[in-house]
């Protein structure tokens, strides 16, 4: 039963990390446009839709690499916040490089935008820390057996029926 509970915690941590990562990506990519908007405040419904798309984007692309990081940390009982931040950075980097064209003839990625690479890597680092806060601090704890229960103390001698 503890494994099922652990899987639920991992799922909730992944969703929270993807939401935070999506927020960072959306805000960081739109920041230059926010500075140029002289018309006033932005419609809240538009921001909600953009955050939803950012969440879907990040969770869709980060699922497989993030699950590899989660499997490694669960298998080796890795509970360090730094490990999750580095893992999140690698996942963010992998998500970005998965979208950039790669030419196998020259073994180079073509069209890398440095700012976008930094945004995705930074969002992955923050998402990794959020995941650590929710689920990573107890990585591998489901495999540790519970200590055996202590036997109850003996009954007092005058509490038995047949005692005389």
C-alpha atoms as a PDB file:
ATOM      1  CA  UNK A   1       0.000   0.000   0.000  1.00  0.00           C
ATOM      2  CA  UNK A   2       2.893   2.390   0.630  1.00  0.00           C
ATOM      3  CA  UNK A   3       3.999   2.051  -3.010  1.00  0.00           C
ATOM      4  CA  UNK A   4       0.592   3.217  -4.248  1.00  0.00           C
ATOM      5  CA  UNK A   5       0.716   6.185  -1.889  1.00  0.00           C
ATOM      6  CA  UNK A   6       4.221   6.995  -3.089  1.00  0.00           C
ATOM      7  CA  UNK A   7       3.105   6.907  -6.733  1.00  0.00           C
ATOM      8  CA  UNK A   8       0.309   9.349  -5.908  1.00  0.00           C
ATOM      9  CA  UNK A   9       2.784  11.707  -4.203  1.00  0.00           C
ATOM     10  CA  UNK A  10       5.117  11.445  -7.215  1.00  0.00           C
ATOM     11  CA  UNK A  11       2.237  12.283  -9.570  1.00  0.00           C
ATOM     12  CA  UNK A  12       1.170  15.304  -7.496  1.00  0.00           C
ATOM     13  CA  UNK A  13       4.779  16.500  -7.283  1.00  0.00           C
ATOM     14  CA  UNK A  14       5.177  16.137 -11.042  1.00  0.00           C
ATOM     15  CA  UNK A  15       1.999  18.121 -11.721  1.00  0.00           C
ATOM     16  CA  UNK A  16       3.037  20.906  -9.343  1.00  0.00           C
ATOM     17  CA  UNK A  17       6.528  21.040 -10.854  1.00  0.00           C
ATOM     18  CA  UNK A  18       5.085  21.211 -14.378  1.00  0.00           C
ATOM     19  CA  UNK A  19       2.719  24.007 -13.366  1.00  0.00           C
ATOM     20  CA  UNK A  20       5.546  26.072 -11.880  1.00  0.00           C
ATOM     21  CA  UNK A  21       7.799  25.350 -14.856  1.00  0.00           C
ATOM     22  CA  UNK A  22       5.022  26.338 -17.254  1.00  0.00           C
ATOM     23  CA  UNK A  23       4.460  29.572 -15.356  1.00  0.00           C
ATOM     24  CA  UNK A  24       8.145  30.424 -15.593  1.00  0.00           C
ATOM     25  CA  UNK A  25       8.279  29.669 -19.315  1.00  0.00           C
ATOM     26  CA  UNK A  26       5.175  31.736 -20.086  1.00  0.00           C
ATOM     27  CA  UNK A  27       6.196  34.720 -17.970  1.00  0.00           C
ATOM     28  CA  UNK A  28       9.810  34.701 -19.183  1.00  0.00           C
ATOM     29  CA  UNK A  29       8.869  34.425 -22.844  1.00  0.00           C
ATOM     30  CA  UNK A  30       6.247  37.149 -22.571  1.00  0.00           C
ATOM     31  CA  UNK A  31       8.299  39.532 -20.410  1.00  0.00           C
ATOM     32  CA  UNK A  32       9.645  41.611 -23.319  1.00  0.00           C
ATOM     33  CA  UNK A  33       6.102  41.953 -24.649  1.00  0.00           C
ATOM     34  CA  UNK A  34       4.829  43.031 -21.224  1.00  0.00           C
ATOM     35  CA  UNK A  35       7.334  45.875 -21.244  1.00  0.00           C
ATOM     36  CA  UNK A  36       6.118  47.029 -24.678  1.00  0.00           C
ATOM     37  CA  UNK A  37       2.421  46.979 -23.770  1.00  0.00           C
ATOM     38  CA  UNK A  38       1.551  50.570 -23.125  1.00  0.00           C
ATOM     39  CA  UNK A  39      -2.174  49.918 -23.347  1.00  0.00           C
ATOM     40  CA  UNK A  40      -2.619  48.950 -19.712  1.00  0.00           C
ATOM     41  CA  UNK A  41      -3.217  45.746 -17.804  1.00  0.00           C
ATOM     42  CA  UNK A  42      -3.446  42.395 -19.551  1.00  0.00           C
ATOM     43  CA  UNK A  43      -6.736  40.485 -19.511  1.00  0.00           C
ATOM     44  CA  UNK A  44      -6.737  37.877 -16.711  1.00  0.00           C
ATOM     45  CA  UNK A  45      -8.495  35.318 -18.940  1.00  0.00           C
ATOM     46  CA  UNK A  46      -5.664  35.554 -21.450  1.00  0.00           C
ATOM     47  CA  UNK A  47      -3.081  34.966 -18.741  1.00  0.00           C
ATOM     48  CA  UNK A  48      -5.047  31.937 -17.498  1.00  0.00           C
ATOM     49  CA  UNK A  49      -5.157  30.450 -20.991  1.00  0.00           C
ATOM     50  CA  UNK A  50      -1.435  31.063 -21.502  1.00  0.00           C
ATOM     51  CA  UNK A  51      -0.601  29.440 -18.149  1.00  0.00           C
ATOM     52  CA  UNK A  52      -2.741  26.436 -19.079  1.00  0.00           C
ATOM     53  CA  UNK A  53      -0.936  26.045 -22.388  1.00  0.00           C
ATOM     54  CA  UNK A  54       2.417  26.468 -20.631  1.00  0.00           C
ATOM     55  CA  UNK A  55       1.472  23.695 -18.207  1.00  0.00           C
ATOM     56  CA  UNK A  56       0.405  21.392 -21.043  1.00  0.00           C
ATOM     57  CA  UNK A  57       3.559  22.182 -23.007  1.00  0.00           C
ATOM     58  CA  UNK A  58       5.928  21.553 -20.113  1.00  0.00           C
ATOM     59  CA  UNK A  59       4.166  18.446 -18.828  1.00  0.00           C
ATOM     60  CA  UNK A  60       3.934  16.916 -22.294  1.00  0.00           C
ATOM     61  CA  UNK A  61       7.567  17.359 -23.180  1.00  0.00           C
ATOM     62  CA  UNK A  62       8.998  16.721 -19.722  1.00  0.00           C
ATOM     63  CA  UNK A  63       7.114  13.524 -18.870  1.00  0.00           C
ATOM     64  CA  UNK A  64       9.584  10.920 -20.113  1.00  0.00           C
ATOM     65  CA  UNK A  65      12.844  12.658 -19.080  1.00  0.00           C
ATOM     66  CA  UNK A  66      11.387  13.565 -15.692  1.00  0.00           C
ATOM     67  CA  UNK A  67      10.242  10.010 -15.064  1.00  0.00           C
ATOM     68  CA  UNK A  68      13.778   8.802 -15.804  1.00  0.00           C
ATOM     69  CA  UNK A  69      15.130  11.227 -13.182  1.00  0.00           C
ATOM     70  CA  UNK A  70      12.422  10.132 -10.711  1.00  0.00           C
ATOM     71  CA  UNK A  71      13.184   6.440 -11.297  1.00  0.00           C
ATOM     72  CA  UNK A  72      16.903   7.002 -10.712  1.00  0.00           C
ATOM     73  CA  UNK A  73      16.372   9.024  -7.544  1.00  0.00           C
ATOM     74  CA  UNK A  74      13.853   6.536  -6.150  1.00  0.00           C
ATOM     75  CA  UNK A  75      16.104   3.576  -6.938  1.00  0.00           C
ATOM     76  CA  UNK A  76      19.182   5.051  -5.276  1.00  0.00           C
ATOM     77  CA  UNK A  77      17.453   6.884  -2.382  1.00  0.00           C
ATOM     78  CA  UNK A  78      18.721  10.249  -3.625  1.00  0.00           C
ATOM     79  CA  UNK A  79      17.122  12.958  -1.491  1.00  0.00           C
ATOM     80  CA  UNK A  80      19.360  15.955  -2.158  1.00  0.00           C
ATOM     81  CA  UNK A  81      17.740  19.178  -3.358  1.00  0.00           C
ATOM     82  CA  UNK A  82      20.803  19.818  -5.511  1.00  0.00           C
ATOM     83  CA  UNK A  83      20.326  16.498  -7.312  1.00  0.00           C
ATOM     84  CA  UNK A  84      16.728  17.390  -8.144  1.00  0.00           C
ATOM     85  CA  UNK A  85      17.723  20.883  -9.285  1.00  0.00           C
ATOM     86  CA  UNK A  86      20.398  19.424 -11.578  1.00  0.00           C
ATOM     87  CA  UNK A  87      17.997  16.757 -12.818  1.00  0.00           C
ATOM     88  CA  UNK A  88      15.376  19.415 -13.520  1.00  0.00           C
ATOM     89  CA  UNK A  89      17.936  21.490 -15.390  1.00  0.00           C
ATOM     90  CA  UNK A  90      18.871  18.493 -17.529  1.00  0.00           C
ATOM     91  CA  UNK A  91      15.186  17.786 -18.203  1.00  0.00           C
ATOM     92  CA  UNK A  92      14.599  21.432 -19.206  1.00  0.00           C
ATOM     93  CA  UNK A  93      17.653  21.312 -21.458  1.00  0.00           C
ATOM     94  CA  UNK A  94      16.455  18.057 -23.026  1.00  0.00           C
ATOM     95  CA  UNK A  95      12.993  19.509 -23.616  1.00  0.00           C
ATOM     96  CA  UNK A  96      14.428  22.516 -25.411  1.00  0.00           C
ATOM     97  CA  UNK A  97      16.932  20.559 -27.473  1.00  0.00           C
ATOM     98  CA  UNK A  98      14.149  18.165 -28.452  1.00  0.00           C
ATOM     99  CA  UNK A  99      12.461  21.048 -30.252  1.00  0.00           C
ATOM    100  CA  UNK A 100      15.560  22.352 -32.053  1.00  0.00           C
ATOM    101  CA  UNK A 101      16.504  20.829 -35.425  1.00  0.00           C
ATOM    102  CA  UNK A 102      19.538  18.549 -35.270  1.00  0.00           C
ATOM    103  CA  UNK A 103      21.663  17.850 -38.328  1.00  0.00           C
ATOM    104  CA  UNK A 104      23.331  14.442 -38.060  1.00  0.00           C
ATOM    105  CA  UNK A 105      25.799  15.274 -40.851  1.00  0.00           C
ATOM    106  CA  UNK A 106      27.446  18.041 -38.842  1.00  0.00           C
ATOM    107  CA  UNK A 107      26.406  16.811 -35.360  1.00  0.00           C
ATOM    108  CA  UNK A 108      25.107  20.274 -34.503  1.00  0.00           C
ATOM    109  CA  UNK A 109      21.881  21.820 -33.366  1.00  0.00           C
ATOM    110  CA  UNK A 110      20.812  24.584 -35.734  1.00  0.00           C
ATOM    111  CA  UNK A 111      18.833  27.585 -34.577  1.00  0.00           C
ATOM    112  CA  UNK A 112      19.495  27.532 -30.830  1.00  0.00           C
ATOM    113  CA  UNK A 113      18.298  30.737 -29.201  1.00  0.00           C
ATOM    114  CA  UNK A 114      20.393  31.242 -26.099  1.00  0.00           C
ATOM    115  CA  UNK A 115      17.680  33.093 -24.175  1.00  0.00           C
ATOM    116  CA  UNK A 116      15.163  30.304 -24.772  1.00  0.00           C
ATOM    117  CA  UNK A 117      17.721  27.709 -23.731  1.00  0.00           C
ATOM    118  CA  UNK A 118      18.337  29.605 -20.493  1.00  0.00           C
ATOM    119  CA  UNK A 119      14.614  29.961 -19.821  1.00  0.00           C
ATOM    120  CA  UNK A 120      13.920  26.249 -20.277  1.00  0.00           C
ATOM    121  CA  UNK A 121      16.913  25.214 -18.190  1.00  0.00           C
ATOM    122  CA  UNK A 122      16.011  27.670 -15.423  1.00  0.00           C
ATOM    123  CA  UNK A 123      12.388  26.527 -15.464  1.00  0.00           C
ATOM    124  CA  UNK A 124      13.605  22.940 -15.160  1.00  0.00           C
ATOM    125  CA  UNK A 125      15.795  23.810 -12.179  1.00  0.00           C
ATOM    126  CA  UNK A 126      12.926  25.519 -10.354  1.00  0.00           C
ATOM    127  CA  UNK A 127      10.561  22.670 -11.265  1.00  0.00           C
ATOM    128  CA  UNK A 128      13.085  20.183  -9.875  1.00  0.00           C
ATOM    129  CA  UNK A 129      13.223  22.062  -6.581  1.00  0.00           C
ATOM    130  CA  UNK A 130       9.406  22.178  -6.419  1.00  0.00           C
ATOM    131  CA  UNK A 131       9.285  18.435  -7.036  1.00  0.00           C
ATOM    132  CA  UNK A 132      11.868  17.919  -4.282  1.00  0.00           C
ATOM    133  CA  UNK A 133       9.751  19.953  -1.853  1.00  0.00           C
ATOM    134  CA  UNK A 134       6.709  17.755  -2.504  1.00  0.00           C
ATOM    135  CA  UNK A 135       8.048  14.289  -3.236  1.00  0.00           C
ATOM    136  CA  UNK A 136      11.832  14.189  -3.467  1.00  0.00           C
ATOM    137  CA  UNK A 137      12.633  14.590   0.215  1.00  0.00           C
ATOM    138  CA  UNK A 138      11.305  11.078   0.884  1.00  0.00           C
ATOM    139  CA  UNK A 139      12.680   9.319  -2.197  1.00  0.00           C
ATOM    140  CA  UNK A 140      12.926   5.573  -1.706  1.00  0.00           C
ATOM    141  CA  UNK A 141      11.260   5.659   1.714  1.00  0.00           C
ATOM    142  CA  UNK A 142       8.554   3.260   0.565  1.00  0.00           C
ATOM    143  CA  UNK A 143      11.127   0.441   0.387  1.00  0.00           C
ATOM    144  CA  UNK A 144      12.284   0.756   3.989  1.00  0.00           C
ATOM    145  CA  UNK A 145      10.378  -1.797   6.063  1.00  0.00           C
ATOM    146  CA  UNK A 146       8.466  -0.563   9.061  1.00  0.00           C
ATOM    147  CA  UNK A 147       9.997  -1.455  12.427  1.00  0.00           C
ATOM    148  CA  UNK A 148       8.300  -4.406  14.139  1.00  0.00           C
ATOM    149  CA  UNK A 149       5.702  -3.573  16.734  1.00  0.00           C
ATOM    150  CA  UNK A 150       6.699  -3.983  20.348  1.00  0.00           C
ATOM    151  CA  UNK A 151       4.785  -6.667  22.214  1.00  0.00           C
ATOM    152  CA  UNK A 152       2.265  -5.328  24.693  1.00  0.00           C
ATOM    153  CA  UNK A 153       3.338  -5.160  28.328  1.00  0.00           C
ATOM    154  CA  UNK A 154       2.374  -8.128  30.490  1.00  0.00           C
ATOM    155  CA  UNK A 155      -0.904  -7.967  32.333  1.00  0.00           C
ATOM    156  CA  UNK A 156      -0.859  -7.393  36.091  1.00  0.00           C
ATOM    157  CA  UNK A 157      -1.006 -10.605  38.060  1.00  0.00           C
ATOM    158  CA  UNK A 158      -4.350  -9.819  39.693  1.00  0.00           C
ATOM    159  CA  UNK A 159      -6.126  -9.222  36.386  1.00  0.00           C
ATOM    160  CA  UNK A 160      -6.353 -12.894  35.416  1.00  0.00           C
ATOM    161  CA  UNK A 161      -9.541 -14.779  36.102  1.00  0.00           C
ATOM    162  CA  UNK A 162      -7.866 -17.922  37.333  1.00  0.00           C
ATOM    163  CA  UNK A 163      -5.404 -16.101  39.606  1.00  0.00           C
ATOM    164  CA  UNK A 164      -6.149 -16.763  43.303  1.00  0.00           C
END
